Protein backbone atom coordinates (compact mmCIF):
# COMPACT_ATOMS: atom_id res chain seq x y z
CA MET A 1 0.00 0.00 0.00
CA LYS A 2 2.77 2.45 0.91
CA ARG A 3 4.52 1.79 -2.39
CA ARG A 4 1.32 2.63 -4.26
CA LEU A 5 0.84 5.79 -2.22
CA ALA A 6 4.43 6.82 -2.85
CA SER A 7 3.79 6.76 -6.57
CA LEU A 8 0.72 8.94 -6.12
CA ILE A 9 2.71 11.74 -4.49
CA ALA A 10 5.37 11.90 -7.18
CA LEU A 11 3.88 15.00 -8.79
CA ALA A 12 4.00 16.87 -5.49
CA MET A 13 7.73 16.19 -5.07
CA VAL A 14 9.12 17.11 -8.47
CA GLY A 15 11.06 20.34 -8.81
CA THR A 16 10.92 23.59 -6.92
CA ILE A 17 7.58 25.38 -6.88
CA ALA A 18 7.59 29.17 -6.82
CA LEU A 19 4.66 31.56 -6.64
CA THR A 20 3.94 33.08 -10.01
CA SER A 21 3.08 36.60 -8.88
CA CYS A 22 3.72 38.92 -5.94
CA SER A 23 1.59 41.05 -3.65
CA SER A 24 2.12 42.90 -0.41
CA GLY A 25 -1.36 42.03 0.83
CA SER A 26 -3.75 39.13 0.83
CA GLY A 27 -5.38 40.14 -2.46
CA SER A 28 -8.73 39.01 -1.06
CA THR A 29 -11.95 40.24 -2.62
CA THR A 30 -15.63 39.61 -2.01
CA PRO A 31 -16.75 36.56 -4.04
CA ALA A 32 -18.93 37.22 -7.08
CA PRO A 33 -22.52 35.89 -7.26
CA ALA A 34 -22.76 32.17 -7.92
CA ASN A 35 -22.86 30.85 -11.48
CA THR A 36 -24.82 27.60 -11.40
CA ASP A 37 -26.59 27.68 -14.75
CA SER A 38 -24.97 24.50 -16.07
CA VAL A 39 -25.22 22.51 -12.81
CA GLN A 40 -28.27 20.30 -13.31
CA THR A 41 -29.41 18.57 -10.11
CA GLU A 42 -32.74 17.25 -11.38
CA GLY A 43 -32.84 13.46 -11.34
CA LYS A 44 -29.61 13.22 -9.32
CA ASP A 45 -29.16 10.80 -6.41
CA TYR A 46 -27.79 12.55 -3.34
CA GLY A 47 -28.56 9.61 -1.07
CA GLY A 48 -30.88 11.65 1.15
CA LEU A 49 -28.06 14.10 1.98
CA LYS A 50 -29.33 17.21 3.81
CA TYR A 51 -26.12 18.80 5.05
CA LEU A 52 -22.86 19.16 3.14
CA ARG A 53 -20.32 20.34 5.70
CA MET A 54 -16.76 21.36 4.91
CA CYS A 55 -13.91 21.93 7.36
CA SER A 56 -11.12 24.15 6.06
CA GLY A 57 -8.59 26.33 7.91
CA THR A 58 -7.95 28.76 10.70
CA GLN A 59 -9.92 31.99 10.84
CA GLY A 60 -8.36 34.51 8.49
CA ALA A 61 -6.53 31.89 6.44
CA THR A 62 -6.91 31.69 2.66
CA TRP A 63 -8.33 28.17 3.01
CA THR A 64 -11.16 29.49 5.17
CA THR A 65 -11.96 32.44 2.92
CA VAL A 66 -11.99 30.34 -0.24
CA GLY A 67 -13.77 27.43 1.45
CA SER A 68 -16.59 29.70 2.61
CA ALA A 69 -17.03 31.10 -0.90
CA MET A 70 -17.02 27.59 -2.37
CA MET A 71 -19.80 26.46 -0.07
CA GLU A 72 -21.88 29.55 -0.86
CA TYR A 73 -21.72 28.59 -4.53
CA VAL A 74 -22.37 24.90 -3.80
CA GLY A 75 -25.30 25.75 -1.54
CA SER A 76 -26.87 27.78 -4.36
CA ALA A 77 -26.37 24.93 -6.82
CA MET A 78 -27.80 22.26 -4.51
CA LYS A 79 -30.64 24.17 -2.87
CA ASP A 80 -33.26 22.52 -5.07
CA MET A 81 -32.10 19.18 -3.65
CA GLY A 82 -32.73 20.45 -0.12
CA VAL A 83 -29.02 20.45 0.73
CA SER A 84 -27.61 23.02 3.14
CA ALA A 85 -23.89 23.70 2.54
CA SER A 86 -21.56 25.19 5.15
CA ASN A 87 -17.88 25.75 5.89
CA GLY A 88 -16.26 25.53 9.31
CA PRO A 89 -12.78 26.11 10.75
CA GLY A 90 -10.19 23.37 11.13
CA GLY A 91 -6.64 22.26 10.52
CA SER A 92 -5.09 19.78 8.11
CA VAL A 93 -4.52 16.93 10.59
CA ALA A 94 -7.78 17.45 12.49
CA ASN A 95 -9.73 17.67 9.22
CA CYS A 96 -8.61 14.20 8.11
CA ARG A 97 -9.90 12.70 11.33
CA ALA A 98 -13.12 14.72 11.22
CA VAL A 99 -14.00 13.64 7.68
CA ALA A 100 -12.96 10.01 8.24
CA ASN A 101 -15.17 9.92 11.36
CA GLY A 102 -18.18 11.44 9.60
CA GLU A 103 -18.21 14.78 11.44
CA TYR A 104 -17.83 16.56 8.10
CA GLU A 105 -18.45 15.44 4.53
CA LEU A 106 -15.64 17.49 2.95
CA GLY A 107 -12.27 18.63 4.24
CA TRP A 108 -9.18 20.59 3.29
CA ALA A 109 -5.77 19.11 3.97
CA PHE A 110 -2.34 19.08 2.45
CA THR A 111 -1.75 16.15 0.13
CA SER A 112 1.14 15.18 2.40
CA THR A 113 -1.24 15.02 5.39
CA VAL A 114 -3.75 12.90 3.49
CA TYR A 115 -0.86 10.58 2.61
CA ASP A 116 -0.07 10.15 6.31
CA ALA A 117 -3.74 9.69 7.26
CA TYR A 118 -4.36 7.11 4.53
CA GLY A 119 -1.34 5.05 5.54
CA ALA A 120 -1.33 5.74 9.32
CA THR A 121 2.12 7.34 9.25
CA GLY A 122 3.55 10.60 10.60
CA ALA A 123 1.01 12.43 12.76
CA PHE A 124 -1.37 9.47 12.35
CA SER A 125 1.01 6.71 13.45
CA GLU A 126 -1.28 5.83 16.37
CA ASP A 127 -4.49 5.97 14.27
CA GLU A 128 -6.02 3.24 12.17
CA PRO A 129 -5.35 3.76 8.43
CA MET A 130 -8.01 6.09 7.02
CA GLU A 131 -8.46 4.15 3.82
CA ASN A 132 -11.95 5.58 3.30
CA LEU A 133 -10.49 8.96 2.30
CA THR A 134 -10.65 9.90 -1.39
CA HIS A 135 -9.31 12.82 -3.41
CA ILE A 136 -11.66 15.38 -4.92
CA MET A 137 -9.36 18.17 -6.10
CA SER A 138 -5.96 19.74 -5.53
CA ILE A 139 -5.71 23.41 -4.75
CA PHE A 140 -2.95 26.02 -4.53
CA PRO A 141 0.35 25.29 -2.76
CA SER A 142 1.21 26.47 0.76
CA GLN A 143 4.64 27.35 2.06
CA GLN A 144 6.11 26.99 5.54
CA HIS A 145 6.68 30.52 6.87
CA PHE A 146 9.41 31.26 9.45
CA VAL A 147 8.92 34.89 10.48
CA VAL A 148 10.77 37.04 13.01
CA PRO A 149 10.56 40.76 13.87
CA ALA A 150 12.67 42.92 11.57
CA ASP A 151 15.10 43.74 14.39
CA SER A 152 15.39 40.14 15.66
CA SER A 153 18.77 38.66 16.56
CA ILE A 154 17.70 35.39 14.93
CA GLN A 155 19.62 35.10 11.64
CA SER A 156 19.32 31.33 11.17
CA LEU A 157 17.02 28.60 12.41
CA ALA A 158 20.10 27.38 14.29
CA ASP A 159 19.64 30.42 16.57
CA ILE A 160 16.25 29.55 18.11
CA ASN A 161 17.36 27.70 21.25
CA GLY A 162 16.43 29.85 24.23
CA LYS A 163 13.85 31.83 22.22
CA VAL A 164 10.04 31.96 22.33
CA VAL A 165 8.92 29.79 19.40
CA ASN A 166 5.39 28.99 18.29
CA PHE A 167 5.06 25.45 16.94
CA THR A 168 1.28 25.85 16.28
CA PRO A 169 -1.23 23.27 17.61
CA VAL A 170 -0.37 19.58 17.26
CA THR A 171 -3.44 19.13 15.03
CA GLU A 172 -1.92 21.33 12.32
CA THR A 173 0.52 20.22 9.65
CA SER A 174 2.83 23.12 10.46
CA TYR A 175 3.50 21.51 13.86
CA THR A 176 4.83 18.39 12.14
CA VAL A 177 6.84 20.47 9.67
CA ASN A 178 8.41 22.52 12.44
CA ASN A 179 9.56 19.41 14.26
CA LYS A 180 11.16 17.95 11.13
CA VAL A 181 12.79 21.22 10.06
CA PHE A 182 14.22 21.99 13.50
CA GLU A 183 15.38 18.38 13.84
CA ALA A 184 17.66 18.97 10.86
CA TYR A 185 19.39 21.61 12.99
CA GLY A 186 19.61 19.36 16.05
CA ILE A 187 16.88 21.39 17.76
CA ASN A 188 13.65 20.26 19.39
CA GLN A 189 11.21 21.51 21.99
CA ASP A 190 13.39 20.24 24.84
CA THR A 191 16.53 22.02 23.60
CA ILE A 192 14.61 25.27 23.19
CA GLU A 193 13.25 25.11 26.73
CA SER A 194 16.42 23.81 28.37
CA ALA A 195 18.20 26.89 26.98
CA GLY A 196 15.66 29.12 28.73
CA GLY A 197 13.20 29.48 25.87
CA THR A 198 9.48 28.83 25.62
CA VAL A 199 7.48 26.67 23.21
CA THR A 200 3.91 27.74 22.47
CA LEU A 201 1.20 25.78 20.63
CA THR A 202 -0.96 28.68 19.49
CA ARG A 203 -2.95 29.05 16.28
CA PHE A 204 -1.04 31.23 13.86
CA ASN A 205 -3.54 34.11 13.73
CA GLU A 206 -3.41 34.44 17.52
CA ALA A 207 0.37 33.99 17.53
CA SER A 208 0.72 36.95 15.17
CA GLU A 209 -0.62 39.17 17.95
CA LEU A 210 2.05 37.79 20.28
CA LEU A 211 4.76 38.72 17.79
CA LYS A 212 3.29 42.21 17.35
CA ASN A 213 3.34 42.65 21.14
CA GLY A 214 6.96 41.53 21.46
CA GLU A 215 5.99 38.28 23.20
CA LEU A 216 7.11 35.90 20.43
CA ASP A 217 10.49 35.49 18.72
CA LEU A 218 9.62 33.09 15.89
CA TRP A 219 6.24 32.83 14.16
CA THR A 220 5.53 29.78 11.99
CA ALA A 221 2.72 28.52 9.77
CA CYS A 222 2.19 26.50 6.60
CA ILE A 223 -0.08 28.81 4.61
CA ALA A 224 -0.59 30.06 1.07
CA ALA A 225 1.35 33.26 0.45
CA PRO A 226 0.49 36.01 0.78
CA GLY A 227 -1.26 35.35 4.09
CA SER A 228 -3.13 38.22 5.69
CA ALA A 229 -1.65 37.52 9.14
CA VAL A 230 1.87 37.89 7.73
CA SER A 231 0.93 41.00 5.76
CA ASP A 232 -0.37 42.55 8.98
CA MET A 233 2.89 41.76 10.80
CA ALA A 234 4.87 43.14 7.86
CA PHE A 235 3.01 46.43 8.25
CA ALA A 236 3.69 46.56 12.00
CA PRO A 237 6.09 45.87 13.60
CA GLY A 238 7.92 44.86 10.39
CA ILE A 239 9.30 41.40 9.71
CA ARG A 240 12.10 39.30 8.25
CA PHE A 241 11.96 35.74 6.99
CA VAL A 242 14.41 33.09 8.11
CA ASN A 243 15.49 30.79 5.26
CA ILE A 244 15.95 27.07 5.54
CA ASP A 245 19.62 26.46 4.75
CA GLU A 246 20.05 24.81 1.37
CA ASP A 247 22.11 21.93 2.76
CA LYS A 248 19.27 21.03 5.16
CA ILE A 249 16.60 20.69 2.47
CA PRO A 250 17.31 17.06 1.39
CA GLN A 251 17.15 15.73 4.96
CA ILE A 252 13.94 17.64 5.65
CA LEU A 253 12.20 16.46 2.48
CA GLU A 254 13.14 12.87 3.25
CA GLN A 255 11.13 13.21 6.46
CA LEU A 256 8.15 14.96 4.86
CA PRO A 257 6.58 12.91 2.02
CA GLY A 258 4.58 15.15 -0.30
CA PHE A 259 6.67 18.24 0.44
CA THR A 260 9.09 19.94 -1.93
CA GLU A 261 11.43 22.92 -1.87
CA MET A 262 9.56 26.15 -2.54
CA THR A 263 10.31 29.84 -2.91
CA ILE A 264 8.35 32.79 -1.57
CA PRO A 265 9.38 35.48 -4.06
CA ALA A 266 10.81 38.82 -3.01
CA GLY A 267 8.08 41.44 -2.74
CA THR A 268 5.36 39.04 -1.67
CA TYR A 269 5.33 40.84 1.69
CA GLU A 270 6.16 44.47 2.46
CA GLY A 271 9.80 44.89 3.39
CA VAL A 272 10.80 41.39 2.24
CA ASP A 273 13.10 42.19 -0.65
CA GLU A 274 14.79 38.82 -1.20
CA ASP A 275 13.49 35.39 -2.20
CA VAL A 276 12.78 33.11 0.74
CA ARG A 277 13.91 29.46 0.62
CA THR A 278 11.52 27.11 2.39
CA VAL A 279 9.47 23.92 1.92
CA GLY A 280 5.79 23.46 1.15
CA THR A 281 3.11 21.19 -0.15
CA VAL A 282 -0.09 21.19 -2.20
CA GLY A 283 -3.49 21.68 -0.61
CA SER A 284 -6.42 19.43 -1.46
CA ILE A 285 -10.12 18.87 -0.85
CA PHE A 286 -11.15 15.33 0.03
CA CYS A 287 -14.08 13.24 1.24
CA THR A 288 -14.90 9.66 2.13
CA ALA A 289 -15.54 7.08 -0.55
CA ASP A 290 -19.21 6.70 0.45
CA LEU A 291 -20.21 10.29 -0.34
CA PRO A 292 -22.66 9.90 -3.25
CA GLU A 293 -21.11 10.17 -6.70
CA ASP A 294 -23.58 12.83 -7.86
CA VAL A 295 -22.75 15.04 -4.88
CA VAL A 296 -19.03 15.06 -5.66
CA TYR A 297 -19.62 15.50 -9.39
CA ASP A 298 -21.94 18.49 -8.81
CA PHE A 299 -19.53 19.95 -6.26
CA LEU A 300 -16.73 19.93 -8.83
CA LYS A 301 -19.02 21.17 -11.60
CA THR A 302 -20.00 24.12 -9.40
CA ILE A 303 -16.39 24.93 -8.49
CA TYR A 304 -15.42 24.77 -12.17
CA GLU A 305 -18.23 27.13 -13.18
CA ASN A 306 -17.14 29.63 -10.51
CA TRP A 307 -13.36 29.15 -10.76
CA ASP A 308 -12.59 32.66 -12.01
CA ALA A 309 -14.58 34.18 -9.13
CA LEU A 310 -12.77 31.98 -6.62
CA LYS A 311 -9.37 32.89 -8.07
CA ALA A 312 -10.24 36.56 -7.69
CA ILE A 313 -10.40 36.12 -3.90
CA ASN A 314 -6.62 35.67 -3.78
CA PRO A 315 -5.03 35.86 -7.25
CA THR A 316 -1.49 35.42 -5.92
CA ALA A 317 -2.28 32.16 -4.11
CA PHE A 318 -4.14 30.69 -7.10
CA GLY A 319 -1.67 31.86 -9.73
CA ASP A 320 -2.49 30.24 -13.07
CA LEU A 321 -4.01 27.05 -11.64
CA ASP A 322 -6.85 25.55 -13.65
CA VAL A 323 -8.79 22.29 -13.86
CA ASN A 324 -5.79 20.53 -15.40
CA ASP A 325 -3.98 20.96 -12.06
CA TRP A 326 -6.75 19.56 -9.84
CA LEU A 327 -5.23 16.07 -9.68
CA ASN A 328 -1.64 17.19 -9.02
CA GLY A 329 -0.06 15.48 -6.05
CA ALA A 330 -3.12 13.36 -5.19
CA THR A 331 -2.18 10.90 -2.42
CA ALA A 332 -5.48 9.05 -2.03
CA PRO A 333 -7.68 7.26 -4.58
CA ILE A 334 -9.80 9.52 -6.78
CA HIS A 335 -13.48 9.57 -5.75
CA PRO A 336 -15.76 8.01 -8.44
CA GLY A 337 -17.72 11.27 -8.77
CA ALA A 338 -14.47 13.15 -9.27
CA GLU A 339 -13.27 10.57 -11.78
CA LYS A 340 -16.46 11.05 -13.79
CA PHE A 341 -15.93 14.83 -13.79
CA TYR A 342 -12.25 14.65 -14.80
CA LYS A 343 -12.91 12.20 -17.60
CA GLU A 344 -15.66 14.49 -18.90
CA MET A 345 -13.18 17.40 -18.80
CA GLY A 346 -10.48 15.40 -20.58
CA VAL A 347 -8.14 15.53 -17.59
CA MET A 348 -8.11 11.75 -17.08
């Protein structure tokens, strides 16, 4: 099984992915009215579904903003079937468990996280394999951000022992990434604290307030750039990024299946005038295999019809992604409803 999964993530691990455009802000806009003219629900079998619930990201994150807009469009498309669509907060690791357990029908997670959940590895090593998870679509990439105040004494990730470092909650992928990245430097939570530092496990949007108030030395998150929380910190008090050293990248990627080296281009954030070397992964939307085929097909049809409006919410994060990219990096089997859609679109 693990060999088969490894082949599925090959696309997510080839080359270095860079953002295709730059912005000093989030680029977010209010979503346009739904376009559902070509989504025909009459005669479809939704299996008696009444609620289509999605869990996405932390408040203020691009995942949450886009996920909410998606479900507005989907709710409009499916209203004649009596389906109420909604989007709630979450995190990549927690979302896999929530969807697998039936708390939500749809979830956002990094393809690398789905890989771990499907095979009971990494953050899911004590879980049963979540082999009921299936891939619906891939979405824009996210990059691990290592942010310090502009006047910080931290020049390298090797300097964080004895500092106040936010690892983010254990239910978020960024927590796992932080552990693997810092491990490459011989650093862990114990070494940070034994040197007089503090480890916090705070959600990134709340942690940004700590950095603004001078209570945090290193802010971390795996988010799509530009993230509004980072843009706010760039405005005040001003920030710098800490690069991952090039010689550490191979060791880190070996420990993080589905991740690849990425670049956050200069100018993405105010005051950040040089490219940032980091690692990242591809986001995805997934569900369980028993979600009715027509539901998944109509979900994708609705997203396709409203893709330009969704891209307008954060043009920098989406870049030039289109339907031909929606299977990139898939690490779980493709849902039958998704397979039907992609074959119809000529993608499969």
